Structures are given as C-alpha cells and as structure tokens.
C-alpha atoms as a PDB file:
ATOM      1  CA  MET A   1      17.078  96.600 -21.153  1.00  0.00           C
ATOM      2  CA  ALA A   2      15.305  96.791 -18.019  1.00  0.00           C
ATOM      3  CA  ASN A   3      12.818  99.840 -17.676  1.00  0.00           C
ATOM      4  CA  SER A   4      15.598 102.357 -17.356  1.00  0.00           C
ATOM      5  CA  ASP A   5      13.274 104.818 -15.523  1.00  0.00           C
ATOM      6  CA  ASP A   6      12.123 102.300 -12.929  1.00  0.00           C
ATOM      7  CA  LEU A   7      15.906 101.524 -12.180  1.00  0.00           C
ATOM      8  CA  LYS A   8      16.750 105.194 -12.105  1.00  0.00           C
ATOM      9  CA  LYS A   9      13.882 105.878  -9.656  1.00  0.00           C
ATOM     10  CA  ILE A  10      15.068 103.003  -7.388  1.00  0.00           C
ATOM     11  CA  ILE A  11      18.659 104.496  -7.379  1.00  0.00           C
ATOM     12  CA  VAL A  12      17.493 108.331  -6.757  1.00  0.00           C
ATOM     13  CA  ASP A  13      15.385 107.049  -3.649  1.00  0.00           C
ATOM     14  CA  ILE A  14      18.479 105.159  -2.343  1.00  0.00           C
ATOM     15  CA  VAL A  15      20.910 108.035  -2.977  1.00  0.00           C
ATOM     16  CA  LYS A  16      18.596 110.464  -1.299  1.00  0.00           C
ATOM     17  CA  ASP A  17      20.518 113.577  -2.568  1.00  0.00           C
ATOM     18  CA  SER A  18      18.535 116.273  -4.091  1.00  0.00           C
ATOM     19  CA  ASP A  19      20.856 116.905  -7.030  1.00  0.00           C
ATOM     20  CA  VAL A  20      20.445 113.160  -8.143  1.00  0.00           C
ATOM     21  CA  THR A  21      17.453 112.909 -10.105  1.00  0.00           C
ATOM     22  CA  ILE A  22      15.934 110.568 -13.002  1.00  0.00           C
ATOM     23  CA  ASN A  23      17.389 113.207 -15.314  1.00  0.00           C
ATOM     24  CA  THR A  24      20.760 113.629 -14.164  1.00  0.00           C
ATOM     25  CA  ILE A  25      21.384 109.549 -14.286  1.00  0.00           C
ATOM     26  CA  ASN A  26      22.798 108.642 -17.682  1.00  0.00           C
ATOM     27  CA  ASP A  27      24.456 105.461 -18.925  1.00  0.00           C
ATOM     28  CA  ASP A  28      27.875 106.655 -17.828  1.00  0.00           C
ATOM     29  CA  THR A  29      26.830 107.591 -14.404  1.00  0.00           C
ATOM     30  CA  ILE A  30      29.081 105.758 -12.024  1.00  0.00           C
ATOM     31  CA  LEU A  31      27.397 104.110  -9.120  1.00  0.00           C
ATOM     32  CA  ILE A  32      29.870 103.034  -6.834  1.00  0.00           C
ATOM     33  CA  GLY A  33      32.679 104.984  -5.262  1.00  0.00           C
ATOM     34  CA  GLU A  34      33.896 108.634  -4.787  1.00  0.00           C
ATOM     35  CA  ASP A  35      33.493 109.457  -8.458  1.00  0.00           C
ATOM     36  CA  GLY A  36      29.838 108.402  -8.788  1.00  0.00           C
ATOM     37  CA  LEU A  37      27.008 108.534  -6.524  1.00  0.00           C
ATOM     38  CA  PHE A  38      28.866 107.914  -3.383  1.00  0.00           C
ATOM     39  CA  PHE A  39      27.107 104.457  -2.761  1.00  0.00           C
ATOM     40  CA  ASP A  40      28.447 102.994   0.592  1.00  0.00           C
ATOM     41  CA  SER A  41      28.139  99.317   1.507  1.00  0.00           C
ATOM     42  CA  ILE A  42      24.666  99.995   2.865  1.00  0.00           C
ATOM     43  CA  ASP A  43      23.208 101.511  -0.302  1.00  0.00           C
ATOM     44  CA  VAL A  44      24.584  98.777  -2.413  1.00  0.00           C
ATOM     45  CA  LEU A  45      22.893  96.364  -0.096  1.00  0.00           C
ATOM     46  CA  GLU A  46      19.645  98.434  -0.362  1.00  0.00           C
ATOM     47  CA  LEU A  47      20.204  98.560  -4.053  1.00  0.00           C
ATOM     48  CA  ILE A  48      20.513  94.665  -4.268  1.00  0.00           C
ATOM     49  CA  VAL A  49      17.534  94.057  -1.994  1.00  0.00           C
ATOM     50  CA  GLU A  50      15.291  96.513  -4.394  1.00  0.00           C
ATOM     51  CA  ILE A  51      16.680  94.668  -7.605  1.00  0.00           C
ATOM     52  CA  GLU A  52      16.074  91.224  -6.322  1.00  0.00           C
ATOM     53  CA  LYS A  53      12.533  92.093  -5.245  1.00  0.00           C
ATOM     54  CA  LYS A  54      11.556  94.112  -8.457  1.00  0.00           C
ATOM     55  CA  TYR A  55      13.507  92.088 -10.967  1.00  0.00           C
ATOM     56  CA  GLY A  56      13.517  88.424  -9.500  1.00  0.00           C
ATOM     57  CA  ILE A  57      17.432  88.392  -9.592  1.00  0.00           C
ATOM     58  CA  LYS A  58      19.473  86.679  -7.086  1.00  0.00           C
ATOM     59  CA  ILE A  59      22.646  88.734  -6.513  1.00  0.00           C
ATOM     60  CA  LYS A  60      25.429  86.839  -4.362  1.00  0.00           C
ATOM     61  CA  ASP A  61      28.765  87.129  -6.056  1.00  0.00           C
ATOM     62  CA  ASN A  62      30.872  90.143  -5.137  1.00  0.00           C
ATOM     63  CA  HIS A  63      32.599  89.886  -8.258  1.00  0.00           C
ATOM     64  CA  ILE A  64      29.251  90.548 -10.130  1.00  0.00           C
ATOM     65  CA  ILE A  65      28.582  93.519  -7.796  1.00  0.00           C
ATOM     66  CA  ASN A  66      32.081  95.047  -8.580  1.00  0.00           C
ATOM     67  CA  GLU A  67      31.560  94.537 -12.201  1.00  0.00           C
ATOM     68  CA  LYS A  68      28.129  94.888 -12.991  1.00  0.00           C
ATOM     69  CA  PHE A  69      27.381  97.913 -10.669  1.00  0.00           C
ATOM     70  CA  ASN A  70      29.952 100.067 -11.931  1.00  0.00           C
ATOM     71  CA  THR A  71      28.080 102.200 -14.125  1.00  0.00           C
ATOM     72  CA  PHE A  72      24.326 102.713 -14.691  1.00  0.00           C
ATOM     73  CA  LYS A  73      24.532 100.938 -18.113  1.00  0.00           C
ATOM     74  CA  SER A  74      26.450  98.050 -16.761  1.00  0.00           C
ATOM     75  CA  LEU A  75      23.609  97.442 -14.100  1.00  0.00           C
ATOM     76  CA  ASP A  76      20.845  98.079 -16.595  1.00  0.00           C
ATOM     77  CA  GLU A  77      22.315  95.504 -19.108  1.00  0.00           C
ATOM     78  CA  PHE A  78      22.842  93.128 -16.191  1.00  0.00           C
ATOM     79  CA  ILE A  79      19.171  93.195 -15.131  1.00  0.00           C
ATOM     80  CA  THR A  80      18.115  92.938 -18.812  1.00  0.00           C
ATOM     81  CA  GLU A  81      19.942  89.835 -19.181  1.00  0.00           C
ATOM     82  CA  ASN A  82      19.062  88.087 -15.813  1.00  0.00           C
ATOM     83  CA  ALA A  83      15.621  89.506 -15.057  1.00  0.00           C
ATOM     84  CA  LYS A  84      12.872  86.737 -14.697  1.00  0.00           C
ATOM     85  CA  LYS A  85      10.588  87.308 -17.376  1.00  0.00           C
END
C-alpha cells in the first residue's frame, strides 16, 4: 500500500478539523459525504491535486473518484496500484 501515514497527513491537512488526526483515520473511514469527513467538491479537488503531485497519478474519471475515494482503504489501495514507482 501507499505510505498510509503520508496519505493520512494529506487528508488531515485538507479536512482542517481538529478532531481529525492521523490516529482517527482508519481503513473504514469514509472520505466523501455526510457520513465521513464531510469532503466537499473543493476538498476532493484539493485531494486529487495532492495525490497527483505526490504519487504521479492522473485522476480524470469521476467514476474512479466515486468508487476509489469512498473509504481510506479504497483510496490507499488505488494509490498503491497506480502510483509511479
């Protein structure tokens, strides 16, 4: 998997909520929507930009975003499968 702590730090920096820390994010943490970390469309765009810069992945498909950005684990696995080595 991608370095999970690095990915968690990116998410924490974007969420900017003092209750969200590296330690509170787990594999089942929902990232998008009211049940999760309340990512809005701007947060999602910021996350995409950070992932593209850090991991060399181009994310253009909304289907990928809806499917792979759902939970922390699904995003972590997506990055691991697609990151430039």
